[in-house]
C-alpha cells in the first residue's frame, strides 16, 4: 500500500467511523423499542423510560475536541494528498475538514464562554 492510497484512506475512515456509530446506535434503539412494544402487547408492566441526561458543559468541550480532531485529519489528509491523488476528492476533504474544524472551534469557544458566564 503506497502513500497515495494511505493518504486517501485516512479521511475515508475518519468519515466512516461516525456513520457506523450513528447506524449502530439507531439499530440498538429500534431493538429496544421493539422489545418494549412486544411487552406492551403481552400486558407486562414496564419500567419507566430512561430519561436523557442533561447536557453538561463538558459535553460541548468533548464534542468540540472530536470535531477539531476529525476536521484537522480530513484537512491535512486533503492537503497531503492534493499533489499525489488530485481530483475533486482532495478539495472535498479540505472543505469538509475545515467546516468540521470551525464547528469544533466554535464548540470549544462556547464551552469557554459558558464557563465564564456561570462564574
PDB file of N, CA and C in Angstrom:
ATOM      1  N   UNK A   1       0.845  -1.168   0.000  1.00  0.00           N
ATOM      2  CA  UNK A   1       0.000   0.000   0.000  1.00  0.00           C
ATOM      3  C   UNK A   1       0.892   1.234   0.000  1.00  0.00           C
ATOM      4  N   UNK A   2       0.702   2.058  -1.013  1.00  0.00           N
ATOM      5  CA  UNK A   2       1.536   3.234  -1.160  1.00  0.00           C
ATOM      6  C   UNK A   2       1.043   4.406  -0.328  1.00  0.00           C
ATOM      7  N   UNK A   3       1.850   5.447  -0.284  1.00  0.00           N
ATOM      8  CA  UNK A   3       1.446   6.623   0.489  1.00  0.00           C
ATOM      9  C   UNK A   3       0.216   7.319  -0.099  1.00  0.00           C
ATOM     10  N   UNK A   4       0.029   7.214  -1.429  1.00  0.00           N
ATOM     11  CA  UNK A   4      -1.147   7.834  -2.041  1.00  0.00           C
ATOM     12  C   UNK A   4      -2.426   7.159  -1.554  1.00  0.00           C
ATOM     13  N   UNK A   5      -2.392   5.830  -1.474  1.00  0.00           N
ATOM     14  CA  UNK A   5      -3.560   5.081  -1.019  1.00  0.00           C
ATOM     15  C   UNK A   5      -3.836   5.369   0.447  1.00  0.00           C
ATOM     16  N   UNK A   6      -2.791   5.415   1.237  1.00  0.00           N
ATOM     17  CA  UNK A   6      -2.947   5.695   2.657  1.00  0.00           C
ATOM     18  C   UNK A   6      -3.493   7.108   2.882  1.00  0.00           C
ATOM     19  N   UNK A   7      -3.016   8.056   2.091  1.00  0.00           N
ATOM     20  CA  UNK A   7      -3.495   9.434   2.219  1.00  0.00           C
ATOM     21  C   UNK A   7      -4.975   9.536   1.866  1.00  0.00           C
ATOM     22  N   UNK A   8      -5.455   8.677   0.989  1.00  0.00           N
ATOM     23  CA  UNK A   8      -6.866   8.677   0.627  1.00  0.00           C
ATOM     24  C   UNK A   8      -7.708   7.927   1.661  1.00  0.00           C
ATOM     25  N   UNK A   9      -7.144   6.887   2.274  1.00  0.00           N
ATOM     26  CA  UNK A   9      -7.904   6.081   3.226  1.00  0.00           C
ATOM     27  C   UNK A   9      -8.138   6.781   4.563  1.00  0.00           C
ATOM     28  N   UNK A  10      -7.219   7.627   4.991  1.00  0.00           N
ATOM     29  CA  UNK A  10      -7.353   8.279   6.293  1.00  0.00           C
ATOM     30  C   UNK A  10      -8.633   9.116   6.370  1.00  0.00           C
ATOM     31  N   UNK A  11      -8.909  10.005   5.425  1.00  0.00           N
ATOM     32  CA  UNK A  11     -10.159  10.772   5.528  1.00  0.00           C
ATOM     33  C   UNK A  11     -11.408   9.906   5.353  1.00  0.00           C
ATOM     34  N   UNK A  12     -11.320   8.866   4.527  1.00  0.00           N
ATOM     35  CA  UNK A  12     -12.473   7.987   4.334  1.00  0.00           C
ATOM     36  C   UNK A  12     -12.813   7.278   5.640  1.00  0.00           C
ATOM     37  N   UNK A  13     -11.814   6.765   6.320  1.00  0.00           N
ATOM     38  CA  UNK A  13     -12.039   6.097   7.607  1.00  0.00           C
ATOM     39  C   UNK A  13     -12.553   7.101   8.633  1.00  0.00           C
ATOM     40  N   UNK A  14     -12.031   8.319   8.593  1.00  0.00           N
ATOM     41  CA  UNK A  14     -12.491   9.351   9.525  1.00  0.00           C
ATOM     42  C   UNK A  14     -13.965   9.675   9.312  1.00  0.00           C
ATOM     43  N   UNK A  15     -14.446   9.541   8.097  1.00  0.00           N
ATOM     44  CA  UNK A  15     -15.870   9.766   7.821  1.00  0.00           C
ATOM     45  C   UNK A  15     -16.720   8.538   8.148  1.00  0.00           C
ATOM     46  N   UNK A  16     -16.169   7.356   7.978  1.00  0.00           N
ATOM     47  CA  UNK A  16     -16.951   6.141   8.213  1.00  0.00           C
ATOM     48  C   UNK A  16     -17.189   5.857   9.696  1.00  0.00           C
ATOM     49  N   UNK A  17     -16.279   6.253  10.554  1.00  0.00           N
ATOM     50  CA  UNK A  17     -16.425   5.970  11.981  1.00  0.00           C
ATOM     51  C   UNK A  17     -17.705   6.589  12.552  1.00  0.00           C
ATOM     52  N   UNK A  18     -17.972   7.894  12.345  1.00  0.00           N
ATOM     53  CA  UNK A  18     -19.223   8.420  12.891  1.00  0.00           C
ATOM     54  C   UNK A  18     -20.461   7.847  12.206  1.00  0.00           C
ATOM     55  N   UNK A  19     -20.355   7.512  10.929  1.00  0.00           N
ATOM     56  CA  UNK A  19     -21.502   6.925  10.225  1.00  0.00           C
ATOM     57  C   UNK A  19     -21.874   5.594  10.862  1.00  0.00           C
ATOM     58  N   UNK A  20     -20.894   4.742  11.116  1.00  0.00           N
ATOM     59  CA  UNK A  20     -21.166   3.453  11.752  1.00  0.00           C
ATOM     60  C   UNK A  20     -21.666   3.631  13.184  1.00  0.00           C
ATOM     61  N   UNK A  21     -21.128   4.598  13.898  1.00  0.00           N
ATOM     62  CA  UNK A  21     -21.581   4.839  15.272  1.00  0.00           C
ATOM     63  C   UNK A  21     -23.056   5.238  15.292  1.00  0.00           C
ATOM     64  N   UNK A  22     -23.453   6.107  14.389  1.00  0.00           N
ATOM     65  CA  UNK A  22     -24.863   6.513  14.302  1.00  0.00           C
ATOM     66  C   UNK A  22     -25.728   5.336  13.909  1.00  0.00           C
ATOM     67  N   UNK A  23     -25.286   4.538  12.947  1.00  0.00           N
ATOM     68  CA  UNK A  23     -26.065   3.393  12.489  1.00  0.00           C
ATOM     69  C   UNK A  23     -26.302   2.390  13.627  1.00  0.00           C
ATOM     70  N   UNK A  24     -25.256   2.017  14.341  1.00  0.00           N
ATOM     71  CA  UNK A  24     -25.403   1.022  15.395  1.00  0.00           C
ATOM     72  C   UNK A  24     -26.210   1.567  16.582  1.00  0.00           C
ATOM     73  N   UNK A  25     -26.070   2.851  16.872  1.00  0.00           N
ATOM     74  CA  UNK A  25     -26.889   3.439  17.938  1.00  0.00           C
ATOM     75  C   UNK A  25     -28.372   3.401  17.543  1.00  0.00           C
ATOM     76  N   UNK A  26     -28.664   3.744  16.303  1.00  0.00           N
ATOM     77  CA  UNK A  26     -30.054   3.728  15.824  1.00  0.00           C
ATOM     78  C   UNK A  26     -30.604   2.305  15.827  1.00  0.00           C
ATOM     79  N   UNK A  27     -29.799   1.350  15.418  1.00  0.00           N
ATOM     80  CA  UNK A  27     -30.233  -0.047  15.396  1.00  0.00           C
ATOM     81  C   UNK A  27     -30.545  -0.532  16.818  1.00  0.00           C
ATOM     82  N   UNK A  28     -29.718  -0.190  17.764  1.00  0.00           N
ATOM     83  CA  UNK A  28     -29.924  -0.573  19.160  1.00  0.00           C
ATOM     84  C   UNK A  28     -31.204   0.060  19.708  1.00  0.00           C
ATOM     85  N   UNK A  29     -31.439   1.306  19.367  1.00  0.00           N
ATOM     86  CA  UNK A  29     -32.655   1.996  19.817  1.00  0.00           C
ATOM     87  C   UNK A  29     -33.907   1.338  19.233  1.00  0.00           C
ATOM     88  N   UNK A  30     -33.869   0.941  17.968  1.00  0.00           N
ATOM     89  CA  UNK A  30     -35.017   0.266  17.352  1.00  0.00           C
ATOM     90  C   UNK A  30     -35.298  -1.078  18.011  1.00  0.00           C
ATOM     91  N   UNK A  31     -34.250  -1.828  18.344  1.00  0.00           N
ATOM     92  CA  UNK A  31     -34.442  -3.112  19.018  1.00  0.00           C
ATOM     93  C   UNK A  31     -35.059  -2.920  20.405  1.00  0.00           C
ATOM     94  N   UNK A  32     -34.622  -1.907  21.122  1.00  0.00           N
ATOM     95  CA  UNK A  32     -35.166  -1.628  22.443  1.00  0.00           C
ATOM     96  C   UNK A  32     -36.640  -1.256  22.350  1.00  0.00           C
ATOM     97  N   UNK A  33     -36.992  -0.457  21.361  1.00  0.00           N
ATOM     98  CA  UNK A  33     -38.398  -0.075  21.189  1.00  0.00           C
ATOM     99  C   UNK A  33     -39.258  -1.268  20.789  1.00  0.00           C
ATOM    100  N   UNK A  34     -38.696  -2.135  19.960  1.00  0.00           N
ATOM    101  CA  UNK A  34     -39.443  -3.326  19.543  1.00  0.00           C
ATOM    102  C   UNK A  34     -39.722  -4.233  20.742  1.00  0.00           C
ATOM    103  N   UNK A  35     -38.734  -4.407  21.616  1.00  0.00           N
ATOM    104  CA  UNK A  35     -38.928  -5.215  22.825  1.00  0.00           C
ATOM    105  C   UNK A  35     -39.996  -4.602  23.726  1.00  0.00           C
ATOM    106  N   UNK A  36     -39.993  -3.297  23.865  1.00  0.00           N
ATOM    107  CA  UNK A  36     -40.999  -2.624  24.692  1.00  0.00           C
ATOM    108  C   UNK A  36     -42.400  -2.795  24.098  1.00  0.00           C
ATOM    109  N   UNK A  37     -42.517  -2.711  22.774  1.00  0.00           N
ATOM    110  CA  UNK A  37     -43.829  -2.885  22.138  1.00  0.00           C
ATOM    111  C   UNK A  37     -44.348  -4.305  22.339  1.00  0.00           C
ATOM    112  N   UNK A  38     -43.475  -5.291  22.235  1.00  0.00           N
ATOM    113  CA  UNK A  38     -43.897  -6.675  22.482  1.00  0.00           C
ATOM    114  C   UNK A  38     -44.351  -6.860  23.930  1.00  0.00           C
ATOM    115  N   UNK A  39     -43.651  -6.247  24.854  1.00  0.00           N
ATOM    116  CA  UNK A  39     -44.027  -6.351  26.261  1.00  0.00           C
ATOM    117  C   UNK A  39     -45.376  -5.675  26.509  1.00  0.00           C
ATOM    118  N   UNK A  40     -45.626  -4.559  25.856  1.00  0.00           N
ATOM    119  CA  UNK A  40     -46.902  -3.867  25.998  1.00  0.00           C
ATOM    120  C   UNK A  40     -48.039  -4.726  25.450  1.00  0.00           C
ATOM    121  N   UNK A  41     -47.795  -5.367  24.300  1.00  0.00           N
ATOM    122  CA  UNK A  41     -48.817  -6.233  23.707  1.00  0.00           C
ATOM    123  C   UNK A  41     -49.145  -7.421  24.615  1.00  0.00           C
ATOM    124  N   UNK A  42     -48.145  -7.918  25.327  1.00  0.00           N
ATOM    125  CA  UNK A  42     -48.366  -9.049  26.238  1.00  0.00           C
ATOM    126  C   UNK A  42     -48.959  -8.603  27.568  1.00  0.00           C
ATOM    127  N   UNK A  43     -48.988  -7.313  27.824  1.00  0.00           N
ATOM    128  CA  UNK A  43     -49.557  -6.803  29.060  1.00  0.00           C
ATOM    129  C   UNK A  43     -48.591  -6.799  30.225  1.00  0.00           C
ATOM    130  N   UNK A  44     -47.310  -6.850  29.962  1.00  0.00           N
ATOM    131  CA  UNK A  44     -46.293  -6.857  31.016  1.00  0.00           C
ATOM    132  C   UNK A  44     -46.073  -5.421  31.510  1.00  0.00           C
ATOM    133  N   UNK A  45     -45.943  -5.281  32.812  1.00  0.00           N
ATOM    134  CA  UNK A  45     -45.653  -3.965  33.394  1.00  0.00           C
ATOM    135  C   UNK A  45     -44.230  -3.556  33.011  1.00  0.00           C
ATOM    136  N   UNK A  46     -44.103  -2.353  32.477  1.00  0.00           N
ATOM    137  CA  UNK A  46     -42.801  -1.877  32.018  1.00  0.00           C
ATOM    138  C   UNK A  46     -42.208  -0.878  33.004  1.00  0.00           C
ATOM    139  N   UNK A  47     -40.889  -0.916  33.137  1.00  0.00           N
ATOM    140  CA  UNK A  47     -40.257   0.141  33.927  1.00  0.00           C
ATOM    141  C   UNK A  47     -40.346   1.456  33.150  1.00  0.00           C
ATOM    142  N   UNK A  48     -40.243   2.589  33.828  1.00  0.00           N
ATOM    143  CA  UNK A  48     -40.335   3.873  33.114  1.00  0.00           C
ATOM    144  C   UNK A  48     -39.185   4.034  32.119  1.00  0.00           C
ATOM    145  N   UNK A  49     -39.473   4.805  31.072  1.00  0.00           N
ATOM    146  CA  UNK A  49     -38.447   5.107  30.065  1.00  0.00           C
ATOM    147  C   UNK A  49     -37.286   5.821  30.735  1.00  0.00           C
ATOM    148  N   UNK A  50     -36.071   5.463  30.354  1.00  0.00           N
ATOM    149  CA  UNK A  50     -34.930   6.196  30.918  1.00  0.00           C
ATOM    150  C   UNK A  50     -34.950   7.644  30.417  1.00  0.00           C
ATOM    151  N   UNK A  51     -34.736   8.559  31.317  1.00  0.00           N
ATOM    152  CA  UNK A  51     -34.724   9.968  30.931  1.00  0.00           C
ATOM    153  C   UNK A  51     -33.338  10.327  30.409  1.00  0.00           C
ATOM    154  N   UNK A  52     -33.279  11.139  29.362  1.00  0.00           N
ATOM    155  CA  UNK A  52     -31.961  11.524  28.850  1.00  0.00           C
ATOM    156  C   UNK A  52     -31.220  12.407  29.853  1.00  0.00           C
ATOM    157  N   UNK A  53     -29.930  12.231  29.887  1.00  0.00           N
ATOM    158  CA  UNK A  53     -29.101  13.009  30.792  1.00  0.00           C
ATOM    159  C   UNK A  53     -29.026  14.454  30.297  1.00  0.00           C
ATOM    160  N   UNK A  54     -29.063  15.425  31.188  1.00  0.00           N
ATOM    161  CA  UNK A  54     -28.941  16.818  30.755  1.00  0.00           C
ATOM    162  C   UNK A  54     -27.542  17.081  30.204  1.00  0.00           C
ATOM    163  N   UNK A  55     -27.477  18.010  29.298  1.00  0.00           N
ATOM    164  CA  UNK A  55     -26.201  18.360  28.680  1.00  0.00           C
ATOM    165  C   UNK A  55     -25.357  19.157  29.666  1.00  0.00           C
ATOM    166  N   UNK A  56     -24.120  18.750  29.799  1.00  0.00           N
ATOM    167  CA  UNK A  56     -23.202  19.454  30.695  1.00  0.00           C
ATOM    168  C   UNK A  56     -22.209  20.254  29.861  1.00  0.00           C
ATOM    169  N   UNK A  57     -21.552  21.226  30.453  1.00  0.00           N
ATOM    170  CA  UNK A  57     -20.556  21.988  29.695  1.00  0.00           C
ATOM    171  C   UNK A  57     -19.439  21.104  29.127  1.00  0.00           C
ATOM    172  N   UNK A  58     -19.091  20.038  29.840  1.00  0.00           N
ATOM    173  CA  UNK A  58     -18.032  19.166  29.333  1.00  0.00           C
ATOM    174  C   UNK A  58     -18.450  18.443  28.052  1.00  0.00           C
ATOM    175  N   UNK A  59     -19.770  18.268  27.851  1.00  0.00           N
ATOM    176  CA  UNK A  59     -20.231  17.663  26.600  1.00  0.00           C
ATOM    177  C   UNK A  59     -19.857  18.534  25.403  1.00  0.00           C
ATOM    178  N   UNK A  60     -19.986  19.854  25.562  1.00  0.00           N
ATOM    179  CA  UNK A  60     -19.615  20.762  24.477  1.00  0.00           C
ATOM    180  C   UNK A  60     -18.114  20.705  24.215  1.00  0.00           C
ATOM    181  N   UNK A  61     -17.326  20.611  25.269  1.00  0.00           N
ATOM    182  CA  UNK A  61     -15.882  20.513  25.095  1.00  0.00           C
ATOM    183  C   UNK A  61     -15.513  19.216  24.387  1.00  0.00           C
ATOM    184  N   UNK A  62     -16.123  18.097  24.806  1.00  0.00           N
ATOM    185  CA  UNK A  62     -15.822  16.802  24.178  1.00  0.00           C
ATOM    186  C   UNK A  62     -16.213  16.810  22.709  1.00  0.00           C
ATOM    187  N   UNK A  63     -17.419  17.286  22.399  1.00  0.00           N
ATOM    188  CA  UNK A  63     -17.860  17.336  21.000  1.00  0.00           C
ATOM    189  C   UNK A  63     -16.967  18.260  20.183  1.00  0.00           C
ATOM    190  N   UNK A  64     -16.575  19.377  20.781  1.00  0.00           N
ATOM    191  CA  UNK A  64     -15.708  20.314  20.078  1.00  0.00           C
ATOM    192  C   UNK A  64     -14.348  19.724  19.775  1.00  0.00           C
ATOM    193  N   UNK A  65     -13.773  19.020  20.735  1.00  0.00           N
ATOM    194  CA  UNK A  65     -12.461  18.416  20.510  1.00  0.00           C
ATOM    195  C   UNK A  65     -12.530  17.288  19.481  1.00  0.00           C
ATOM    196  N   UNK A  66     -13.625  16.534  19.484  1.00  0.00           N
ATOM    197  CA  UNK A  66     -13.786  15.474  18.480  1.00  0.00           C
ATOM    198  C   UNK A  66     -13.908  16.095  17.092  1.00  0.00           C
ATOM    199  N   UNK A  67     -14.719  17.141  16.965  1.00  0.00           N
ATOM    200  CA  UNK A  67     -14.863  17.799  15.662  1.00  0.00           C
ATOM    201  C   UNK A  67     -13.538  18.401  15.207  1.00  0.00           C
ATOM    202  N   UNK A  68     -12.814  18.995  16.137  1.00  0.00           N
ATOM    203  CA  UNK A  68     -11.499  19.547  15.781  1.00  0.00           C
ATOM    204  C   UNK A  68     -10.562  18.455  15.272  1.00  0.00           C
ATOM    205  N   UNK A  69     -10.526  17.326  15.968  1.00  0.00           N
ATOM    206  CA  UNK A  69      -9.629  16.242  15.560  1.00  0.00           C
ATOM    207  C   UNK A  69      -9.990  15.667  14.200  1.00  0.00           C
ATOM    208  N   UNK A  70     -11.263  15.374  13.988  1.00  0.00           N
ATOM    209  CA  UNK A  70     -11.684  14.811  12.700  1.00  0.00           C
ATOM    210  C   UNK A  70     -11.501  15.844  11.595  1.00  0.00           C
ATOM    211  N   UNK A  71     -11.844  17.094  11.886  1.00  0.00           N
ATOM    212  CA  UNK A  71     -11.691  18.145  10.882  1.00  0.00           C
ATOM    213  C   UNK A  71     -10.243  18.355  10.477  1.00  0.00           C
ATOM    214  N   UNK A  72      -9.348  18.367  11.454  1.00  0.00           N
ATOM    215  CA  UNK A  72      -7.923  18.514  11.127  1.00  0.00           C
ATOM    216  C   UNK A  72      -7.395  17.307  10.358  1.00  0.00           C
ATOM    217  N   UNK A  73      -7.874  16.105  10.710  1.00  0.00           N
ATOM    218  CA  UNK A  73      -7.441  14.907   9.977  1.00  0.00           C
ATOM    219  C   UNK A  73      -7.888  14.973   8.522  1.00  0.00           C
ATOM    220  N   UNK A  74      -9.122  15.381   8.286  1.00  0.00           N
ATOM    221  CA  UNK A  74      -9.612  15.494   6.909  1.00  0.00           C
ATOM    222  C   UNK A  74      -8.866  16.577   6.138  1.00  0.00           C
ATOM    223  N   UNK A  75      -8.653  17.716   6.784  1.00  0.00           N
ATOM    224  CA  UNK A  75      -7.970  18.824   6.121  1.00  0.00           C
ATOM    225  C   UNK A  75      -6.534  18.449   5.779  1.00  0.00           C
ATOM    226  N   UNK A  76      -5.821  17.897   6.756  1.00  0.00           N
ATOM    227  CA  UNK A  76      -4.429  17.508   6.491  1.00  0.00           C
ATOM    228  C   UNK A  76      -4.353  16.383   5.473  1.00  0.00           C
ATOM    229  N   UNK A  77      -5.306  15.446   5.526  1.00  0.00           N
ATOM    230  CA  UNK A  77      -5.342  14.388   4.522  1.00  0.00           C
ATOM    231  C   UNK A  77      -5.573  14.938   3.131  1.00  0.00           C
ATOM    232  N   UNK A  78      -6.435  15.934   3.010  1.00  0.00           N
ATOM    233  CA  UNK A  78      -6.674  16.564   1.709  1.00  0.00           C
ATOM    234  C   UNK A  78      -5.466  17.334   1.209  1.00  0.00           C
ATOM    235  N   UNK A  79      -4.776  18.032   2.116  1.00  0.00           N
ATOM    236  CA  UNK A  79      -3.603  18.797   1.702  1.00  0.00           C
ATOM    237  C   UNK A  79      -2.427  17.897   1.352  1.00  0.00           C
ATOM    238  N   UNK A  80      -2.214  16.833   2.109  1.00  0.00           N
ATOM    239  CA  UNK A  80      -1.058  15.977   1.825  1.00  0.00           C
ATOM    240  C   UNK A  80      -1.272  15.149   0.570  1.00  0.00           C
ATOM    241  N   UNK A  81      -2.521  14.873   0.236  1.00  0.00           N
ATOM    242  CA  UNK A  81      -2.764  14.052  -0.949  1.00  0.00           C
ATOM    243  C   UNK A  81      -3.102  14.893  -2.171  1.00  0.00           C
ATOM    244  N   UNK A  82      -3.084  16.220  -2.062  1.00  0.00           N
ATOM    245  CA  UNK A  82      -3.509  17.079  -3.162  1.00  0.00           C
ATOM    246  C   UNK A  82      -2.640  16.896  -4.401  1.00  0.00           C
ATOM    247  N   UNK A  83      -1.353  16.829  -4.226  1.00  0.00           N
ATOM    248  CA  UNK A  83      -0.480  16.696  -5.378  1.00  0.00           C
ATOM    249  C   UNK A  83      -0.371  15.267  -5.873  1.00  0.00           C
ATOM    250  N   UNK A  84      -0.666  14.287  -5.025  1.00  0.00           N
ATOM    251  CA  UNK A  84      -0.477  12.888  -5.384  1.00  0.00           C
ATOM    252  C   UNK A  84      -1.713  12.281  -6.027  1.00  0.00           C
ATOM    253  N   UNK A  85      -2.885  12.588  -5.468  1.00  0.00           N
ATOM    254  CA  UNK A  85      -4.098  11.957  -5.972  1.00  0.00           C
ATOM    255  C   UNK A  85      -4.821  12.890  -6.926  1.00  0.00           C
ATOM    256  N   UNK A  86      -5.000  14.128  -6.527  1.00  0.00           N
ATOM    257  CA  UNK A  86      -5.685  15.096  -7.365  1.00  0.00           C
ATOM    258  C   UNK A  86      -7.171  14.837  -7.426  1.00  0.00           C
ATOM    259  N   UNK A  87      -7.827  15.507  -8.321  1.00  0.00           N
ATOM    260  CA  UNK A  87      -9.255  15.315  -8.480  1.00  0.00           C
ATOM    261  C   UNK A  87     -10.055  16.083  -7.452  1.00  0.00           C
ATOM    262  N   UNK A  88     -11.371  15.955  -7.527  1.00  0.00           N
ATOM    263  CA  UNK A  88     -12.229  16.730  -6.627  1.00  0.00           C
ATOM    264  C   UNK A  88     -12.230  16.208  -5.194  1.00  0.00           C
ATOM    265  N   UNK A  89     -11.807  14.957  -4.979  1.00  0.00           N
ATOM    266  CA  UNK A  89     -11.885  14.397  -3.627  1.00  0.00           C
ATOM    267  C   UNK A  89     -11.027  15.170  -2.641  1.00  0.00           C
ATOM    268  N   UNK A  90      -9.859  15.580  -3.057  1.00  0.00           N
ATOM    269  CA  UNK A  90      -8.981  16.294  -2.122  1.00  0.00           C
ATOM    270  C   UNK A  90      -9.585  17.628  -1.723  1.00  0.00           C
ATOM    271  N   UNK A  91     -10.234  18.322  -2.658  1.00  0.00           N
ATOM    272  CA  UNK A  91     -10.845  19.597  -2.283  1.00  0.00           C
ATOM    273  C   UNK A  91     -12.050  19.365  -1.381  1.00  0.00           C
ATOM    274  N   UNK A  92     -12.797  18.276  -1.598  1.00  0.00           N
ATOM    275  CA  UNK A  92     -13.916  17.959  -0.711  1.00  0.00           C
ATOM    276  C   UNK A  92     -13.418  17.654   0.696  1.00  0.00           C
ATOM    277  N   UNK A  93     -12.319  16.920   0.806  1.00  0.00           N
ATOM    278  CA  UNK A  93     -11.763  16.612   2.115  1.00  0.00           C
ATOM    279  C   UNK A  93     -11.313  17.890   2.820  1.00  0.00           C
ATOM    280  N   UNK A  94     -10.685  18.794   2.067  1.00  0.00           N
ATOM    281  CA  UNK A  94     -10.220  20.036   2.668  1.00  0.00           C
ATOM    282  C   UNK A  94     -11.395  20.895   3.131  1.00  0.00           C
ATOM    283  N   UNK A  95     -12.416  21.011   2.300  1.00  0.00           N
ATOM    284  CA  UNK A  95     -13.568  21.836   2.655  1.00  0.00           C
ATOM    285  C   UNK A  95     -14.316  21.209   3.835  1.00  0.00           C
ATOM    286  N   UNK A  96     -14.578  19.914   3.769  1.00  0.00           N
ATOM    287  CA  UNK A  96     -15.257  19.235   4.875  1.00  0.00           C
ATOM    288  C   UNK A  96     -14.458  19.299   6.151  1.00  0.00           C
ATOM    289  N   UNK A  97     -13.161  19.146   6.031  1.00  0.00           N
ATOM    290  CA  UNK A  97     -12.302  19.225   7.207  1.00  0.00           C
ATOM    291  C   UNK A  97     -12.298  20.609   7.825  1.00  0.00           C
ATOM    292  N   UNK A  98     -12.271  21.629   6.984  1.00  0.00           N
ATOM    293  CA  UNK A  98     -12.301  22.991   7.512  1.00  0.00           C
ATOM    294  C   UNK A  98     -13.636  23.295   8.187  1.00  0.00           C
ATOM    295  N   UNK A  99     -14.722  22.807   7.597  1.00  0.00           N
ATOM    296  CA  UNK A  99     -16.037  23.019   8.216  1.00  0.00           C
ATOM    297  C   UNK A  99     -16.080  22.366   9.600  1.00  0.00           C
ATOM    298  N   UNK A 100     -15.641  21.094   9.686  1.00  0.00           N
ATOM    299  CA  UNK A 100     -15.625  20.410  10.987  1.00  0.00           C
ATOM    300  C   UNK A 100     -14.682  21.096  11.971  1.00  0.00           C
ATOM    301  N   UNK A 101     -13.560  21.586  11.474  1.00  0.00           N
ATOM    302  CA  UNK A 101     -12.608  22.275  12.345  1.00  0.00           C
ATOM    303  C   UNK A 101     -13.240  23.532  12.934  1.00  0.00           C
ATOM    304  N   UNK A 102     -13.942  24.304  12.109  1.00  0.00           N
ATOM    305  CA  UNK A 102     -14.572  25.518  12.607  1.00  0.00           C
ATOM    306  C   UNK A 102     -15.735  25.207  13.558  1.00  0.00           C
ATOM    307  N   UNK A 103     -16.481  24.143  13.286  1.00  0.00           N
ATOM    308  CA  UNK A 103     -17.549  23.742  14.212  1.00  0.00           C
ATOM    309  C   UNK A 103     -16.940  23.350  15.555  1.00  0.00           C
ATOM    310  N   UNK A 104     -15.859  22.572  15.508  1.00  0.00           N
ATOM    311  CA  UNK A 104     -15.184  22.181  16.745  1.00  0.00           C
ATOM    312  C   UNK A 104     -14.645  23.377  17.505  1.00  0.00           C
ATOM    313  N   UNK A 105     -14.055  24.324  16.778  1.00  0.00           N
ATOM    314  CA  UNK A 105     -13.540  25.526  17.437  1.00  0.00           C
ATOM    315  C   UNK A 105     -14.679  26.326  18.057  1.00  0.00           C
ATOM    316  N   UNK A 106     -15.816  26.407  17.365  1.00  0.00           N
ATOM    317  CA  UNK A 106     -16.964  27.132  17.917  1.00  0.00           C
ATOM    318  C   UNK A 106     -17.480  26.460  19.188  1.00  0.00           C
ATOM    319  N   UNK A 107     -17.509  25.127  19.222  1.00  0.00           N
ATOM    320  CA  UNK A 107     -17.967  24.426  20.416  1.00  0.00           C
ATOM    321  C   UNK A 107     -17.009  24.628  21.588  1.00  0.00           C
ATOM    322  N   UNK A 108     -15.717  24.619  21.310  1.00  0.00           N
ATOM    323  CA  UNK A 108     -14.741  24.842  22.375  1.00  0.00           C
ATOM    324  C   UNK A 108     -14.851  26.280  22.893  1.00  0.00           C
ATOM    325  N   UNK A 109     -15.034  27.242  21.977  1.00  0.00           N
ATOM    326  CA  UNK A 109     -15.211  28.638  22.393  1.00  0.00           C
ATOM    327  C   UNK A 109     -16.490  28.786  23.216  1.00  0.00           C
ATOM    328  N   UNK A 110     -17.557  28.106  22.794  1.00  0.00           N
ATOM    329  CA  UNK A 110     -18.804  28.148  23.551  1.00  0.00           C
ATOM    330  C   UNK A 110     -18.601  27.582  24.951  1.00  0.00           C
ATOM    331  N   UNK A 111     -17.838  26.513  25.050  1.00  0.00           N
ATOM    332  CA  UNK A 111     -17.539  25.932  26.363  1.00  0.00           C
ATOM    333  C   UNK A 111     -16.828  26.953  27.241  1.00  0.00           C
ATOM    334  N   UNK A 112     -15.848  27.648  26.658  1.00  0.00           N
ATOM    335  CA  UNK A 112     -15.089  28.645  27.439  1.00  0.00           C
ATOM    336  C   UNK A 112     -15.977  29.815  27.851  1.00  0.00           C
ATOM    337  N   UNK A 113     -16.819  30.302  26.930  1.00  0.00           N
ATOM    338  CA  UNK A 113     -17.698  31.428  27.239  1.00  0.00           C
ATOM    339  C   UNK A 113     -18.723  31.024  28.287  1.00  0.00           C
ATOM    340  N   UNK A 114     -19.308  29.837  28.135  1.00  0.00           N
ATOM    341  CA  UNK A 114     -20.317  29.358  29.071  1.00  0.00           C
ATOM    342  C   UNK A 114     -19.711  29.218  30.466  1.00  0.00           C
ATOM    343  N   UNK A 115     -18.471  28.769  30.529  1.00  0.00           N
ATOM    344  CA  UNK A 115     -17.797  28.599  31.807  1.00  0.00           C
ATOM    345  C   UNK A 115     -17.605  29.964  32.495  1.00  0.00           C
ATOM    346  N   UNK A 116     -17.261  31.008  31.731  1.00  0.00           N
ATOM    347  CA  UNK A 116     -17.046  32.340  32.296  1.00  0.00           C
ATOM    348  C   UNK A 116     -18.362  32.995  32.699  1.00  0.00           C
ATOM    349  N   UNK A 117     -19.434  32.742  31.945  1.00  0.00           N
ATOM    350  CA  UNK A 117     -20.727  33.354  32.246  1.00  0.00           C
ATOM    351  C   UNK A 117     -21.292  32.804  33.557  1.00  0.00           C
ATOM    352  N   UNK A 118     -21.085  31.512  33.813  1.00  0.00           N
ATOM    353  CA  UNK A 118     -21.613  30.897  35.043  1.00  0.00           C
ATOM    354  C   UNK A 118     -20.890  31.359  36.293  1.00  0.00           C
ATOM    355  N   UNK A 119     -19.646  31.823  36.153  1.00  0.00           N
ATOM    356  CA  UNK A 119     -18.855  32.235  37.335  1.00  0.00           C
ATOM    357  C   UNK A 119     -19.241  33.575  37.821  1.00  0.00           C
TER     358      UNK A 119
END
